[in-house]
Amino acid sequence: MKAAVYYENGPPSVLKYEDVEDPACLPEGILIDVEAVSIEGGDTLNRARGELASRPHIVGYQAAGTITEVGEKVKNFKPGQRVTTVNMHGSHAEKRSVFAQTAWAVPDGMDIKTASAIPVPFGTAHDCLFEFGRLQKGETVLIQAGASAVGLAAIQLAKRAGATVIATASSKEKLDKLHEYGMDHGINYQTQDLVAETMRLTDNRGVDVVVDPVGGPTLQKSILALGYRGRVSTVGDAGREDALMDLSTLKAGNRSITGVFLGAEIFTDRVYKNIEKMIGEIAKGELKIVLDKSFALKDAAAAHEYIESRKAFGRVTLIP
């Protein structure tokens, strides 16, 4: 099969389009022909500095396609079914092998690119808001990087839950678009003081929950934007800088911070059923997947470069 691979960490240019050996179907798994790859923020981070499981390495969390083979221990899938899948790596390829526990049926009529972009951002956003952020109706949430896939998912989920939603983005154009998905107030982090503006918008009370997929120096600003008993869910390191935070700033307001990694509970019934439910809600139009641009698999390097330019609004996909 063809795949976008690399032999060492580095910039997008390390990605090469090459022939590699087809993956094998596991007894507990399925093998799919990949039809769409959703490039996750973690994919670009792993390419830049993550561990290589093999050389050459195929990066990638999410991909959707059609099942071509089913392992002997799998009873809930069959060849010919369309599924969206998650794994720690291997999405940037024409074929993919995953455990059946990290595959979800794609509803009839759903676009395969849409399906490819659901599990990780929506599963992550839901955990950040509710499982660990404990967001309640009537509370206020600050969502950093609102135009990212996790950000867009979190905005919709928080608004649906009855929260007041504040989100950040790097331009007025992005903030204007975010209103369509449920954002009540926007903060341009390039031109505005995030903490001061958050306090202004909340009458100096601060927010109840922050979803922070950026990390780095932004994480300290997220803490300072909290109100009494406020909670930060920190997920990912999109900013690519070391986290700089003063934990003593949590104490005065009985604030808390929790690290969130969907992969740590991806094999649980809770996460599986939660993602399955949101796939159904997206199929019904109750929630939306926002797709930006599509690239051919052979142009994976250009796709990664585009993502890192921070021009994207929503998810970027690869098509084998």
C-alpha atoms as a PDB file:
ATOM      1  CA  MET A   1       0.000   0.000   0.000  1.00  0.00           C
ATOM      2  CA  LYS A   2       0.927   3.667  -0.268  1.00  0.00           C
ATOM      3  CA  ALA A   3       1.424   5.704   2.899  1.00  0.00           C
ATOM      4  CA  ALA A   4       2.781   9.028   4.126  1.00  0.00           C
ATOM      5  CA  VAL A   5       5.758   8.009   6.268  1.00  0.00           C
ATOM      6  CA  TYR A   6       8.781   9.484   7.981  1.00  0.00           C
ATOM      7  CA  TYR A   7      12.050   8.143   9.323  1.00  0.00           C
ATOM      8  CA  GLU A   8      12.840  10.911  11.786  1.00  0.00           C
ATOM      9  CA  ASN A   9      11.027  13.703  13.587  1.00  0.00           C
ATOM     10  CA  GLY A  10      11.005  17.147  12.068  1.00  0.00           C
ATOM     11  CA  PRO A  11       9.042  19.660   9.984  1.00  0.00           C
ATOM     12  CA  PRO A  12       6.329  18.621   7.498  1.00  0.00           C
ATOM     13  CA  SER A  13       8.995  18.021   4.862  1.00  0.00           C
ATOM     14  CA  VAL A  14      10.076  14.790   6.621  1.00  0.00           C
ATOM     15  CA  LEU A  15       6.869  13.157   5.303  1.00  0.00           C
ATOM     16  CA  LYS A  16       7.464  10.932   2.260  1.00  0.00           C
ATOM     17  CA  TYR A  17       4.924   9.146   0.052  1.00  0.00           C
ATOM     18  CA  GLU A  18       6.121   5.553  -0.259  1.00  0.00           C
ATOM     19  CA  ASP A  19       5.140   1.919  -0.697  1.00  0.00           C
ATOM     20  CA  VAL A  20       5.015   0.025   2.596  1.00  0.00           C
ATOM     21  CA  GLU A  21       3.846  -3.408   3.676  1.00  0.00           C
ATOM     22  CA  ASP A  22       0.097  -3.856   4.140  1.00  0.00           C
ATOM     23  CA  PRO A  23      -1.003  -4.119   7.785  1.00  0.00           C
ATOM     24  CA  ALA A  24      -2.330  -7.421   9.133  1.00  0.00           C
ATOM     25  CA  CYS A  25      -5.809  -7.843  10.574  1.00  0.00           C
ATOM     26  CA  LEU A  26      -5.725  -8.669  14.298  1.00  0.00           C
ATOM     27  CA  PRO A  27      -7.932 -11.447  15.746  1.00  0.00           C
ATOM     28  CA  GLU A  28      -9.709  -8.746  17.813  1.00  0.00           C
ATOM     29  CA  GLY A  29      -9.643  -6.196  15.015  1.00  0.00           C
ATOM     30  CA  ILE A  30     -10.661  -5.093  11.568  1.00  0.00           C
ATOM     31  CA  LEU A  31      -8.824  -4.061   8.411  1.00  0.00           C
ATOM     32  CA  ILE A  32     -10.156  -1.151   6.362  1.00  0.00           C
ATOM     33  CA  ASP A  33      -9.535   0.497   3.038  1.00  0.00           C
ATOM     34  CA  VAL A  34      -9.039   4.101   4.096  1.00  0.00           C
ATOM     35  CA  GLU A  35     -11.212   6.645   2.295  1.00  0.00           C
ATOM     36  CA  ALA A  36     -10.601   9.723   4.455  1.00  0.00           C
ATOM     37  CA  VAL A  37      -8.022  10.700   7.071  1.00  0.00           C
ATOM     38  CA  SER A  38      -8.727  13.410   9.637  1.00  0.00           C
ATOM     39  CA  ILE A  39      -5.421  15.037  10.587  1.00  0.00           C
ATOM     40  CA  GLU A  40      -5.401  15.636  14.337  1.00  0.00           C
ATOM     41  CA  GLY A  41      -3.334  18.169  16.234  1.00  0.00           C
ATOM     42  CA  GLY A  42      -1.606  15.251  17.908  1.00  0.00           C
ATOM     43  CA  ASP A  43      -0.553  13.947  14.485  1.00  0.00           C
ATOM     44  CA  THR A  44       1.457  17.077  13.728  1.00  0.00           C
ATOM     45  CA  LEU A  45       2.920  17.073  17.238  1.00  0.00           C
ATOM     46  CA  ASN A  46       3.937  13.423  16.950  1.00  0.00           C
ATOM     47  CA  ARG A  47       5.552  14.053  13.579  1.00  0.00           C
ATOM     48  CA  ALA A  48       7.503  16.952  15.073  1.00  0.00           C
ATOM     49  CA  ARG A  49       8.719  15.299  18.268  1.00  0.00           C
ATOM     50  CA  GLY A  50       6.830  12.109  19.143  1.00  0.00           C
ATOM     51  CA  GLU A  51       8.071   8.553  19.451  1.00  0.00           C
ATOM     52  CA  LEU A  52       8.389   6.494  16.267  1.00  0.00           C
ATOM     53  CA  ALA A  53       6.764   3.076  16.737  1.00  0.00           C
ATOM     54  CA  SER A  54       8.630   1.824  13.652  1.00  0.00           C
ATOM     55  CA  ARG A  55      10.821   3.037  10.818  1.00  0.00           C
ATOM     56  CA  PRO A  56       9.335   4.083   8.527  1.00  0.00           C
ATOM     57  CA  HIS A  57       6.587   5.393  10.811  1.00  0.00           C
ATOM     58  CA  ILE A  58       2.973   6.045   9.794  1.00  0.00           C
ATOM     59  CA  VAL A  59       1.473   8.739  11.970  1.00  0.00           C
ATOM     60  CA  GLY A  60      -2.205   9.378  12.600  1.00  0.00           C
ATOM     61  CA  TYR A  61      -5.077   8.875  15.046  1.00  0.00           C
ATOM     62  CA  GLN A  62      -8.216   8.977  12.881  1.00  0.00           C
ATOM     63  CA  ALA A  63      -9.357   7.500   9.575  1.00  0.00           C
ATOM     64  CA  ALA A  64     -12.608   6.242   8.084  1.00  0.00           C
ATOM     65  CA  GLY A  65     -13.315   3.767   5.318  1.00  0.00           C
ATOM     66  CA  THR A  66     -14.733   0.366   4.400  1.00  0.00           C
ATOM     67  CA  ILE A  67     -13.993  -2.904   6.192  1.00  0.00           C
ATOM     68  CA  THR A  68     -12.206  -5.471   4.024  1.00  0.00           C
ATOM     69  CA  GLU A  69     -11.388  -8.087   6.684  1.00  0.00           C
ATOM     70  CA  VAL A  70     -12.670  -8.962  10.147  1.00  0.00           C
ATOM     71  CA  GLY A  71     -10.709 -10.785  12.858  1.00  0.00           C
ATOM     72  CA  GLU A  72     -11.923 -14.173  14.079  1.00  0.00           C
ATOM     73  CA  LYS A  73     -12.906 -12.779  17.494  1.00  0.00           C
ATOM     74  CA  VAL A  74     -14.966  -9.881  16.126  1.00  0.00           C
ATOM     75  CA  LYS A  75     -18.750 -10.359  16.047  1.00  0.00           C
ATOM     76  CA  ASN A  76     -20.120  -6.829  15.648  1.00  0.00           C
ATOM     77  CA  PHE A  77     -18.643  -5.889  12.252  1.00  0.00           C
ATOM     78  CA  LYS A  78     -18.524  -7.466   8.813  1.00  0.00           C
ATOM     79  CA  PRO A  79     -16.744  -6.768   5.513  1.00  0.00           C
ATOM     80  CA  GLY A  80     -18.356  -4.017   3.472  1.00  0.00           C
ATOM     81  CA  GLN A  81     -19.378  -1.890   6.460  1.00  0.00           C
ATOM     82  CA  ARG A  82     -18.239   1.728   6.634  1.00  0.00           C
ATOM     83  CA  VAL A  83     -16.522   2.678   9.894  1.00  0.00           C
ATOM     84  CA  THR A  84     -14.612   5.516  11.496  1.00  0.00           C
ATOM     85  CA  THR A  85     -11.584   4.431  13.503  1.00  0.00           C
ATOM     86  CA  VAL A  86      -9.076   5.544  16.120  1.00  0.00           C
ATOM     87  CA  ASN A  87      -5.610   4.198  16.867  1.00  0.00           C
ATOM     88  CA  MET A  88      -2.372   5.597  18.249  1.00  0.00           C
ATOM     89  CA  HIS A  89      -0.876   5.701  14.745  1.00  0.00           C
ATOM     90  CA  GLY A  90      -1.361   4.431  11.195  1.00  0.00           C
ATOM     91  CA  SER A  91      -4.044   6.709   9.718  1.00  0.00           C
ATOM     92  CA  HIS A  92      -1.931   8.285   6.949  1.00  0.00           C
ATOM     93  CA  ALA A  93      -2.168   5.255   4.660  1.00  0.00           C
ATOM     94  CA  GLU A  94      -4.346   3.437   2.128  1.00  0.00           C
ATOM     95  CA  LYS A  95      -5.114   0.602   4.575  1.00  0.00           C
ATOM     96  CA  ARG A  96      -5.457   0.475   8.344  1.00  0.00           C
ATOM     97  CA  SER A  97      -5.647  -2.191  11.040  1.00  0.00           C
ATOM     98  CA  VAL A  98      -7.372  -1.301  14.335  1.00  0.00           C
ATOM     99  CA  PHE A  99      -9.030  -3.009  17.285  1.00  0.00           C
ATOM    100  CA  ALA A 100     -12.786  -3.354  16.802  1.00  0.00           C
ATOM    101  CA  GLN A 101     -13.216  -1.564  20.142  1.00  0.00           C
ATOM    102  CA  THR A 102     -11.961   1.639  18.534  1.00  0.00           C
ATOM    103  CA  ALA A 103     -14.177   1.511  15.444  1.00  0.00           C
ATOM    104  CA  TRP A 104     -17.686   2.928  15.077  1.00  0.00           C
ATOM    105  CA  ALA A 105     -20.241   2.258  12.344  1.00  0.00           C
ATOM    106  CA  VAL A 106     -20.852   5.175   9.987  1.00  0.00           C
ATOM    107  CA  PRO A 107     -24.573   5.954   9.608  1.00  0.00           C
ATOM    108  CA  ASP A 108     -26.104   5.609   6.155  1.00  0.00           C
ATOM    109  CA  GLY A 109     -25.833   8.834   4.205  1.00  0.00           C
ATOM    110  CA  MET A 110     -23.019  10.352   6.255  1.00  0.00           C
ATOM    111  CA  ASP A 111     -20.112  11.755   4.248  1.00  0.00           C
ATOM    112  CA  ILE A 112     -16.987   9.709   4.916  1.00  0.00           C
ATOM    113  CA  LYS A 113     -14.848  12.829   5.482  1.00  0.00           C
ATOM    114  CA  THR A 114     -17.298  13.965   8.140  1.00  0.00           C
ATOM    115  CA  ALA A 115     -17.189  10.537   9.762  1.00  0.00           C
ATOM    116  CA  SER A 116     -13.401  10.512   9.849  1.00  0.00           C
ATOM    117  CA  ALA A 117     -13.324  13.697  11.937  1.00  0.00           C
ATOM    118  CA  ILE A 118     -15.695  12.776  14.769  1.00  0.00           C
ATOM    119  CA  PRO A 119     -14.302  10.475  17.501  1.00  0.00           C
ATOM    120  CA  VAL A 120     -11.214  12.247  18.848  1.00  0.00           C
ATOM    121  CA  PRO A 121     -12.335  15.906  18.861  1.00  0.00           C
ATOM    122  CA  PHE A 122     -15.880  15.251  20.043  1.00  0.00           C
ATOM    123  CA  GLY A 123     -14.854  12.576  22.536  1.00  0.00           C
ATOM    124  CA  THR A 124     -12.112  14.846  23.865  1.00  0.00           C
ATOM    125  CA  ALA A 125     -14.307  17.945  24.054  1.00  0.00           C
ATOM    126  CA  HIS A 126     -17.046  16.056  25.902  1.00  0.00           C
ATOM    127  CA  ASP A 127     -14.589  14.688  28.470  1.00  0.00           C
ATOM    128  CA  CYS A 128     -12.992  18.118  28.979  1.00  0.00           C
ATOM    129  CA  LEU A 129     -16.344  19.765  29.593  1.00  0.00           C
ATOM    130  CA  PHE A 130     -18.332  17.177  31.502  1.00  0.00           C
ATOM    131  CA  GLU A 131     -16.356  14.172  32.741  1.00  0.00           C
ATOM    132  CA  PHE A 132     -13.488  16.258  34.130  1.00  0.00           C
ATOM    133  CA  GLY A 133     -14.709  19.869  33.851  1.00  0.00           C
ATOM    134  CA  ARG A 134     -18.071  19.011  35.493  1.00  0.00           C
ATOM    135  CA  LEU A 135     -19.769  21.788  33.523  1.00  0.00           C
ATOM    136  CA  GLN A 136     -23.333  22.566  34.617  1.00  0.00           C
ATOM    137  CA  LYS A 137     -26.196  24.463  33.006  1.00  0.00           C
ATOM    138  CA  GLY A 138     -25.888  28.193  33.678  1.00  0.00           C
ATOM    139  CA  GLU A 139     -22.095  28.160  34.118  1.00  0.00           C
ATOM    140  CA  THR A 140     -19.587  29.994  31.934  1.00  0.00           C
ATOM    141  CA  VAL A 141     -16.878  28.231  29.931  1.00  0.00           C
ATOM    142  CA  LEU A 142     -13.778  29.594  28.199  1.00  0.00           C
ATOM    143  CA  ILE A 143     -12.658  27.560  25.194  1.00  0.00           C
ATOM    144  CA  GLN A 144      -9.142  28.235  23.996  1.00  0.00           C
ATOM    145  CA  ALA A 145      -8.409  27.785  20.258  1.00  0.00           C
ATOM    146  CA  GLY A 146     -12.084  27.911  19.389  1.00  0.00           C
ATOM    147  CA  ALA A 147     -11.485  27.375  15.655  1.00  0.00           C
ATOM    148  CA  SER A 148      -9.729  24.045  16.224  1.00  0.00           C
ATOM    149  CA  ALA A 149     -11.687  20.786  15.895  1.00  0.00           C
ATOM    150  CA  VAL A 150     -11.745  20.289  19.680  1.00  0.00           C
ATOM    151  CA  GLY A 151     -12.682  23.940  20.124  1.00  0.00           C
ATOM    152  CA  LEU A 152     -15.561  23.782  17.651  1.00  0.00           C
ATOM    153  CA  ALA A 153     -16.859  20.593  19.255  1.00  0.00           C
ATOM    154  CA  ALA A 154     -16.585  22.103  22.748  1.00  0.00           C
ATOM    155  CA  ILE A 155     -18.410  25.281  21.735  1.00  0.00           C
ATOM    156  CA  GLN A 156     -21.369  23.298  20.407  1.00  0.00           C
ATOM    157  CA  LEU A 157     -21.523  20.883  23.336  1.00  0.00           C
ATOM    158  CA  ALA A 158     -21.216  23.624  25.953  1.00  0.00           C
ATOM    159  CA  LYS A 159     -23.869  25.811  24.342  1.00  0.00           C
ATOM    160  CA  ARG A 160     -26.240  22.857  24.064  1.00  0.00           C
ATOM    161  CA  ALA A 161     -25.725  22.181  27.770  1.00  0.00           C
ATOM    162  CA  GLY A 162     -26.914  25.681  28.633  1.00  0.00           C
ATOM    163  CA  ALA A 163     -23.552  27.337  29.324  1.00  0.00           C
ATOM    164  CA  THR A 164     -22.386  30.816  28.381  1.00  0.00           C
ATOM    165  CA  VAL A 165     -19.552  30.287  25.905  1.00  0.00           C
ATOM    166  CA  ILE A 166     -16.451  32.456  25.553  1.00  0.00           C
ATOM    167  CA  ALA A 167     -13.898  31.373  22.937  1.00  0.00           C
ATOM    168  CA  THR A 168     -10.541  32.563  21.676  1.00  0.00           C
ATOM    169  CA  ALA A 169      -9.140  32.732  18.145  1.00  0.00           C
ATOM    170  CA  SER A 170      -6.372  34.511  16.284  1.00  0.00           C
ATOM    171  CA  SER A 171      -8.495  36.724  14.015  1.00  0.00           C
ATOM    172  CA  LYS A 172     -11.777  38.598  13.783  1.00  0.00           C
ATOM    173  CA  GLU A 173     -12.725  36.466  10.782  1.00  0.00           C
ATOM    174  CA  LYS A 174     -12.497  33.260  12.812  1.00  0.00           C
ATOM    175  CA  LEU A 175     -14.354  34.755  15.753  1.00  0.00           C
ATOM    176  CA  ASP A 176     -17.157  35.947  13.475  1.00  0.00           C
ATOM    177  CA  LYS A 177     -17.604  32.388  12.197  1.00  0.00           C
ATOM    178  CA  LEU A 178     -17.640  30.921  15.709  1.00  0.00           C
ATOM    179  CA  HIS A 179     -20.884  32.714  16.566  1.00  0.00           C
ATOM    180  CA  GLU A 180     -22.612  30.332  14.145  1.00  0.00           C
ATOM    181  CA  TYR A 181     -21.668  27.379  16.362  1.00  0.00           C
ATOM    182  CA  GLY A 182     -22.792  28.828  19.685  1.00  0.00           C
ATOM    183  CA  MET A 183     -20.067  31.193  20.883  1.00  0.00           C
ATOM    184  CA  ASP A 184     -21.502  34.066  22.910  1.00  0.00           C
ATOM    185  CA  HIS A 185     -18.326  36.175  23.305  1.00  0.00           C
ATOM    186  CA  GLY A 186     -15.059  36.074  21.385  1.00  0.00           C
ATOM    187  CA  ILE A 187     -11.542  37.091  22.395  1.00  0.00           C
ATOM    188  CA  ASN A 188      -8.802  37.746  19.834  1.00  0.00           C
ATOM    189  CA  TYR A 189      -5.742  36.478  21.694  1.00  0.00           C
ATOM    190  CA  GLN A 190      -3.457  38.301  19.256  1.00  0.00           C
ATOM    191  CA  THR A 191      -4.781  41.751  20.078  1.00  0.00           C
ATOM    192  CA  GLN A 192      -6.574  41.483  23.432  1.00  0.00           C
ATOM    193  CA  ASP A 193      -5.468  40.649  26.966  1.00  0.00           C
ATOM    194  CA  LEU A 194      -7.133  37.285  27.506  1.00  0.00           C
ATOM    195  CA  VAL A 195      -7.415  37.423  31.283  1.00  0.00           C
ATOM    196  CA  ALA A 196      -8.553  41.074  31.432  1.00  0.00           C
ATOM    197  CA  GLU A 197     -11.130  40.528  28.704  1.00  0.00           C
ATOM    198  CA  THR A 198     -12.460  37.372  30.355  1.00  0.00           C
ATOM    199  CA  MET A 199     -12.886  39.250  33.623  1.00  0.00           C
ATOM    200  CA  ARG A 200     -14.634  42.108  31.819  1.00  0.00           C
ATOM    201  CA  LEU A 201     -17.053  39.710  30.150  1.00  0.00           C
ATOM    202  CA  THR A 202     -17.836  37.973  33.453  1.00  0.00           C
ATOM    203  CA  ASP A 203     -18.077  41.114  35.632  1.00  0.00           C
ATOM    204  CA  ASN A 204     -14.781  40.109  37.298  1.00  0.00           C
ATOM    205  CA  ARG A 205     -16.213  36.776  38.421  1.00  0.00           C
ATOM    206  CA  GLY A 206     -14.106  34.584  36.096  1.00  0.00           C
ATOM    207  CA  VAL A 207     -15.224  31.431  34.312  1.00  0.00           C
ATOM    208  CA  ASP A 208     -16.273  28.100  35.760  1.00  0.00           C
ATOM    209  CA  VAL A 209     -14.492  25.867  33.232  1.00  0.00           C
ATOM    210  CA  VAL A 210     -11.656  26.305  30.747  1.00  0.00           C
ATOM    211  CA  VAL A 211     -10.927  23.898  27.900  1.00  0.00           C
ATOM    212  CA  ASP A 212      -7.273  24.448  26.988  1.00  0.00           C
ATOM    213  CA  PRO A 213      -5.776  22.476  24.059  1.00  0.00           C
ATOM    214  CA  VAL A 214      -2.939  24.990  23.661  1.00  0.00           C
ATOM    215  CA  GLY A 215      -0.775  24.577  26.757  1.00  0.00           C
ATOM    216  CA  GLY A 216       2.503  26.442  27.044  1.00  0.00           C
ATOM    217  CA  PRO A 217       2.241  29.971  28.475  1.00  0.00           C
ATOM    218  CA  THR A 218      -1.473  30.002  27.626  1.00  0.00           C
ATOM    219  CA  LEU A 219      -2.138  27.512  30.408  1.00  0.00           C
ATOM    220  CA  GLN A 220      -1.268  30.072  33.088  1.00  0.00           C
ATOM    221  CA  LYS A 221      -3.693  32.533  31.491  1.00  0.00           C
ATOM    222  CA  SER A 222      -6.366  29.844  31.591  1.00  0.00           C
ATOM    223  CA  ILE A 223      -5.819  29.430  35.334  1.00  0.00           C
ATOM    224  CA  LEU A 224      -5.970  33.187  35.935  1.00  0.00           C
ATOM    225  CA  ALA A 225      -9.244  33.392  33.992  1.00  0.00           C
ATOM    226  CA  LEU A 226     -10.951  31.024  36.443  1.00  0.00           C
ATOM    227  CA  GLY A 227     -13.452  32.078  39.035  1.00  0.00           C
ATOM    228  CA  TYR A 228     -14.015  30.547  42.468  1.00  0.00           C
ATOM    229  CA  ARG A 229     -13.798  26.740  42.285  1.00  0.00           C
ATOM    230  CA  GLY A 230     -13.076  27.014  38.563  1.00  0.00           C
ATOM    231  CA  ARG A 231     -11.708  24.005  36.673  1.00  0.00           C
ATOM    232  CA  VAL A 232      -9.203  23.819  33.807  1.00  0.00           C
ATOM    233  CA  SER A 233      -9.160  20.807  31.492  1.00  0.00           C
ATOM    234  CA  THR A 234      -5.774  20.844  29.770  1.00  0.00           C
ATOM    235  CA  VAL A 235      -5.573  18.639  26.672  1.00  0.00           C
ATOM    236  CA  GLY A 236      -2.792  18.579  24.118  1.00  0.00           C
ATOM    237  CA  ASP A 237       0.042  21.024  23.542  1.00  0.00           C
ATOM    238  CA  ALA A 238      -0.897  22.793  20.323  1.00  0.00           C
ATOM    239  CA  GLY A 239       1.245  25.770  21.281  1.00  0.00           C
ATOM    240  CA  ARG A 240       4.343  23.513  21.242  1.00  0.00           C
ATOM    241  CA  GLU A 241       5.934  25.335  24.130  1.00  0.00           C
ATOM    242  CA  ASP A 242       6.691  24.087  27.612  1.00  0.00           C
ATOM    243  CA  ALA A 243       3.929  24.744  30.103  1.00  0.00           C
ATOM    244  CA  LEU A 244       4.768  27.670  32.344  1.00  0.00           C
ATOM    245  CA  MET A 245       2.394  27.928  35.277  1.00  0.00           C
ATOM    246  CA  ASP A 246       2.412  28.905  38.915  1.00  0.00           C
ATOM    247  CA  LEU A 247       0.403  26.260  40.744  1.00  0.00           C
ATOM    248  CA  SER A 248       0.091  28.556  43.745  1.00  0.00           C
ATOM    249  CA  THR A 249      -2.399  30.603  41.711  1.00  0.00           C
ATOM    250  CA  LEU A 250      -4.855  27.711  42.033  1.00  0.00           C
ATOM    251  CA  LYS A 251      -5.080  27.994  45.799  1.00  0.00           C
ATOM    252  CA  ALA A 252      -6.786  31.300  46.491  1.00  0.00           C
ATOM    253  CA  GLY A 253      -9.935  30.423  44.596  1.00  0.00           C
ATOM    254  CA  ASN A 254      -9.931  26.679  45.334  1.00  0.00           C
ATOM    255  CA  ARG A 255      -9.324  26.157  41.634  1.00  0.00           C
ATOM    256  CA  SER A 256      -8.251  22.884  40.004  1.00  0.00           C
ATOM    257  CA  ILE A 257      -6.541  21.657  36.856  1.00  0.00           C
ATOM    258  CA  THR A 258      -6.914  18.225  35.245  1.00  0.00           C
ATOM    259  CA  GLY A 259      -4.934  16.706  32.404  1.00  0.00           C
ATOM    260  CA  VAL A 260      -7.210  15.031  29.854  1.00  0.00           C
ATOM    261  CA  PHE A 261      -6.179  12.303  27.384  1.00  0.00           C
ATOM    262  CA  LEU A 262      -8.990  10.474  25.617  1.00  0.00           C
ATOM    263  CA  GLY A 263      -6.669   7.602  24.751  1.00  0.00           C
ATOM    264  CA  ALA A 264      -6.324   6.663  28.417  1.00  0.00           C
ATOM    265  CA  GLU A 265      -9.995   5.571  28.455  1.00  0.00           C
ATOM    266  CA  ILE A 266     -10.606   4.856  24.757  1.00  0.00           C
ATOM    267  CA  PHE A 267     -11.305   1.170  25.458  1.00  0.00           C
ATOM    268  CA  THR A 268     -13.984   1.846  28.079  1.00  0.00           C
ATOM    269  CA  ASP A 269     -17.705   1.364  27.452  1.00  0.00           C
ATOM    270  CA  ARG A 270     -18.266   4.926  28.666  1.00  0.00           C
ATOM    271  CA  VAL A 271     -16.158   6.490  25.934  1.00  0.00           C
ATOM    272  CA  TYR A 272     -17.341   4.083  23.232  1.00  0.00           C
ATOM    273  CA  LYS A 273     -21.030   4.736  23.902  1.00  0.00           C
ATOM    274  CA  ASN A 274     -20.463   8.478  24.246  1.00  0.00           C
ATOM    275  CA  ILE A 275     -18.770   8.720  20.829  1.00  0.00           C
ATOM    276  CA  GLU A 276     -21.399   6.438  19.293  1.00  0.00           C
ATOM    277  CA  LYS A 277     -24.130   8.740  20.601  1.00  0.00           C
ATOM    278  CA  MET A 278     -22.475  11.867  19.186  1.00  0.00           C
ATOM    279  CA  ILE A 279     -21.983  10.195  15.789  1.00  0.00           C
ATOM    280  CA  GLY A 280     -25.751   9.668  15.741  1.00  0.00           C
ATOM    281  CA  GLU A 281     -26.390  13.280  16.742  1.00  0.00           C
ATOM    282  CA  ILE A 282     -24.123  14.538  13.962  1.00  0.00           C
ATOM    283  CA  ALA A 283     -25.944  12.288  11.489  1.00  0.00           C
ATOM    284  CA  LYS A 284     -29.215  13.944  12.573  1.00  0.00           C
ATOM    285  CA  GLY A 285     -27.744  17.433  12.190  1.00  0.00           C
ATOM    286  CA  GLU A 286     -27.885  18.184  15.927  1.00  0.00           C
ATOM    287  CA  LEU A 287     -24.113  18.759  16.009  1.00  0.00           C
ATOM    288  CA  LYS A 288     -21.816  19.806  13.186  1.00  0.00           C
ATOM    289  CA  ILE A 289     -18.430  18.728  11.882  1.00  0.00           C
ATOM    290  CA  VAL A 290     -16.538  21.636  10.338  1.00  0.00           C
ATOM    291  CA  LEU A 291     -14.241  20.637   7.478  1.00  0.00           C
ATOM    292  CA  ASP A 292     -11.680  23.047   6.070  1.00  0.00           C
ATOM    293  CA  LYS A 293      -9.562  21.687   3.183  1.00  0.00           C
ATOM    294  CA  SER A 294      -8.822  18.256   1.726  1.00  0.00           C
ATOM    295  CA  PHE A 295      -5.455  17.148   0.360  1.00  0.00           C
ATOM    296  CA  ALA A 296      -4.413  14.007  -1.479  1.00  0.00           C
ATOM    297  CA  LEU A 297      -2.571  11.501   0.717  1.00  0.00           C
ATOM    298  CA  LYS A 298       0.533  12.039  -1.406  1.00  0.00           C
ATOM    299  CA  ASP A 299       0.420  15.700  -0.365  1.00  0.00           C
ATOM    300  CA  ALA A 300       0.458  14.972   3.378  1.00  0.00           C
ATOM    301  CA  ALA A 301       3.480  17.250   3.872  1.00  0.00           C
ATOM    302  CA  ALA A 302       1.581  20.188   2.346  1.00  0.00           C
ATOM    303  CA  ALA A 303      -1.450  19.372   4.524  1.00  0.00           C
ATOM    304  CA  HIS A 304       0.648  19.372   7.708  1.00  0.00           C
ATOM    305  CA  GLU A 305       2.286  22.637   6.650  1.00  0.00           C
ATOM    306  CA  TYR A 306      -1.142  24.199   6.066  1.00  0.00           C
ATOM    307  CA  ILE A 307      -2.321  23.148   9.533  1.00  0.00           C
ATOM    308  CA  GLU A 308       0.783  24.593  11.150  1.00  0.00           C
ATOM    309  CA  SER A 309       0.206  27.911   9.357  1.00  0.00           C
ATOM    310  CA  ARG A 310      -2.890  28.245  11.625  1.00  0.00           C
ATOM    311  CA  LYS A 311      -5.035  29.203   8.650  1.00  0.00           C
ATOM    312  CA  ALA A 312      -7.423  26.276   9.060  1.00  0.00           C
ATOM    313  CA  PHE A 313     -10.920  26.641  10.463  1.00  0.00           C
ATOM    314  CA  GLY A 314     -11.984  23.162  11.486  1.00  0.00           C
ATOM    315  CA  ARG A 315     -10.470  19.884  10.358  1.00  0.00           C
ATOM    316  CA  VAL A 316      -8.115  19.181   7.440  1.00  0.00           C
ATOM    317  CA  THR A 317      -8.465  15.801   5.716  1.00  0.00           C
ATOM    318  CA  LEU A 318      -6.344  13.560   3.515  1.00  0.00           C
ATOM    319  CA  ILE A 319      -7.854  11.450   0.725  1.00  0.00           C
ATOM    320  CA  PRO A 320      -5.929   8.329  -0.431  1.00  0.00           C
END
